[in-house]
Protein backbone atom coordinates (compact mmCIF):
# COMPACT_ATOMS: atom_id res chain seq x y z
CA ARG A 1 -32.18 198.09 -19.95
CA ARG A 2 -29.74 195.43 -21.03
CA ILE A 3 -31.35 192.63 -23.02
CA PHE A 4 -28.30 190.41 -23.35
CA ASN A 5 -24.56 190.35 -23.04
CA LEU A 6 -21.79 188.15 -24.31
CA VAL A 7 -20.93 186.55 -20.99
CA GLY A 8 -24.05 186.37 -18.78
CA LYS A 9 -27.32 184.52 -19.01
CA MET A 10 -29.82 185.82 -21.49
CA ASP A 11 -33.49 186.25 -22.29
CA GLY A 12 -35.07 187.19 -25.57
CA LYS A 13 -35.24 186.02 -29.14
CA ILE A 14 -32.43 184.76 -31.33
CA VAL A 15 -32.52 184.63 -35.13
CA VAL A 16 -30.75 181.51 -36.39
CA THR A 17 -29.88 181.23 -40.08
CA VAL A 18 -28.46 178.14 -41.73
CA MET A 19 -26.99 177.72 -45.24
CA GLY A 20 -25.23 174.90 -47.01
CA ALA A 21 -25.51 172.01 -49.41
CA ASP A 22 -28.83 170.22 -49.03
CA LYS A 23 -28.75 166.87 -47.28
CA THR A 24 -30.85 164.81 -44.90
CA GLY A 25 -30.68 165.71 -41.22
CA ILE A 26 -29.99 169.44 -41.18
CA VAL A 27 -33.32 170.48 -39.62
CA ALA A 28 -33.19 167.55 -37.20
CA GLY A 29 -29.62 168.36 -36.16
CA ILE A 30 -30.33 172.06 -35.54
CA SER A 31 -33.63 171.36 -33.75
CA THR A 32 -32.01 168.76 -31.50
CA LYS A 33 -29.16 171.12 -30.54
CA LEU A 34 -31.58 173.97 -29.80
CA ASN A 35 -33.62 171.63 -27.61
CA GLU A 36 -30.47 170.59 -25.71
CA LEU A 37 -29.76 174.30 -25.12
CA SER A 38 -33.36 174.88 -23.85
CA ILE A 39 -34.09 177.18 -26.78
CA ASN A 40 -37.66 177.16 -28.13
CA ILE A 41 -38.33 177.41 -31.88
CA ILE A 42 -41.08 179.97 -32.48
CA ASP A 43 -41.06 180.05 -36.28
CA ILE A 44 -39.12 178.34 -39.06
CA SER A 45 -38.85 178.83 -42.80
CA GLN A 46 -36.69 176.82 -45.15
CA THR A 47 -36.13 176.47 -48.86
CA ILE A 48 -33.92 174.57 -51.25
CA PHE A 49 -32.55 176.50 -54.22
CA GLU A 50 -31.93 174.65 -57.49
CA ASN A 51 -32.27 171.29 -55.71
CA GLU A 52 -28.96 171.71 -53.92
CA ILE A 53 -28.62 174.84 -51.74
CA PHE A 54 -30.36 174.62 -48.36
CA ALA A 55 -31.37 177.84 -46.57
CA MET A 56 -33.29 178.14 -43.31
CA ILE A 57 -34.17 180.92 -40.91
CA MET A 58 -35.55 180.31 -37.43
CA LEU A 59 -36.90 182.66 -34.83
CA THR A 60 -36.17 181.17 -31.42
CA GLU A 61 -36.85 182.20 -27.85
CA VAL A 62 -34.58 181.97 -24.84
CA LYS A 63 -35.92 182.43 -21.32
CA ASP A 64 -33.57 182.79 -18.35
CA ASN A 65 -30.95 180.66 -20.08
CA LYS A 66 -27.72 180.17 -18.14
CA LYS A 67 -25.75 180.37 -21.38
CA SER A 68 -24.75 183.66 -22.97
CA ILE A 69 -25.25 184.46 -26.66
CA GLY A 70 -21.52 183.77 -27.09
CA ASP A 71 -21.90 180.32 -25.50
CA ILE A 72 -24.85 179.55 -27.77
CA GLN A 73 -22.92 180.68 -30.85
CA ASN A 74 -20.00 178.44 -29.85
CA GLU A 75 -22.31 175.44 -29.36
CA LEU A 76 -23.78 176.02 -32.82
CA LYS A 77 -20.27 176.40 -34.28
CA THR A 78 -19.43 172.81 -33.30
CA LEU A 79 -22.66 171.64 -34.93
CA GLU A 80 -21.72 173.60 -38.05
CA GLU A 81 -18.70 171.36 -38.52
CA SER A 82 -20.60 168.08 -38.16
CA LEU A 83 -23.49 169.15 -40.44
CA LYS A 84 -21.17 170.89 -42.95
CA VAL A 85 -23.32 174.06 -43.00
CA LYS A 86 -22.87 177.67 -41.91
CA ILE A 87 -24.94 178.67 -38.87
CA PHE A 88 -25.39 182.27 -37.75
CA ALA A 89 -27.09 183.20 -34.47
CA GLN A 90 -27.90 186.81 -33.58
CA HIS A 91 -30.04 188.39 -30.93
CA GLU A 92 -33.25 189.63 -32.56
CA ASP A 93 -32.46 193.27 -31.74
CA ILE A 94 -29.07 193.06 -33.49
CA PHE A 95 -30.66 191.33 -36.49
CA LYS A 96 -33.33 194.04 -36.75
CA ALA A 97 -30.79 196.86 -36.39
CA MET A 98 -28.60 195.38 -39.13
CA HIS A 99 -31.50 194.96 -41.56
CA ARG A 100 -33.31 198.24 -40.93
CA ILE A 101 -33.68 200.41 -44.02
C-alpha cells in the first residue's frame, strides 16, 4: 500500500519542525499557511532556548489533499524565507523510520 508519493495527492500525517531565532509571529505564520493548505494541526510543542532560539514540532494531518508532499514542502520553503526560520516537513512514516533505534 502506498501512503504517499512526491507527485500525487496524499493522505496521512506530516511532522513539521521549525527552528530559528525567536520572534513574534512564527506560530501564527506556520498555522496560517497550514490552514491555507487544508492541513490540520493535531499536536504542537514549542520551546525557546536561552531566550533566543525558537524550536517547534507539529504533528499534522492531511486528508485527500490535492497537493503532494513535495508541493507542501515547496509551499513551506517560501514561508521559511519570509519568517527567517528553517522548516522541515516529513511524512510521519519517514520521520519514524529515521528516528527508530
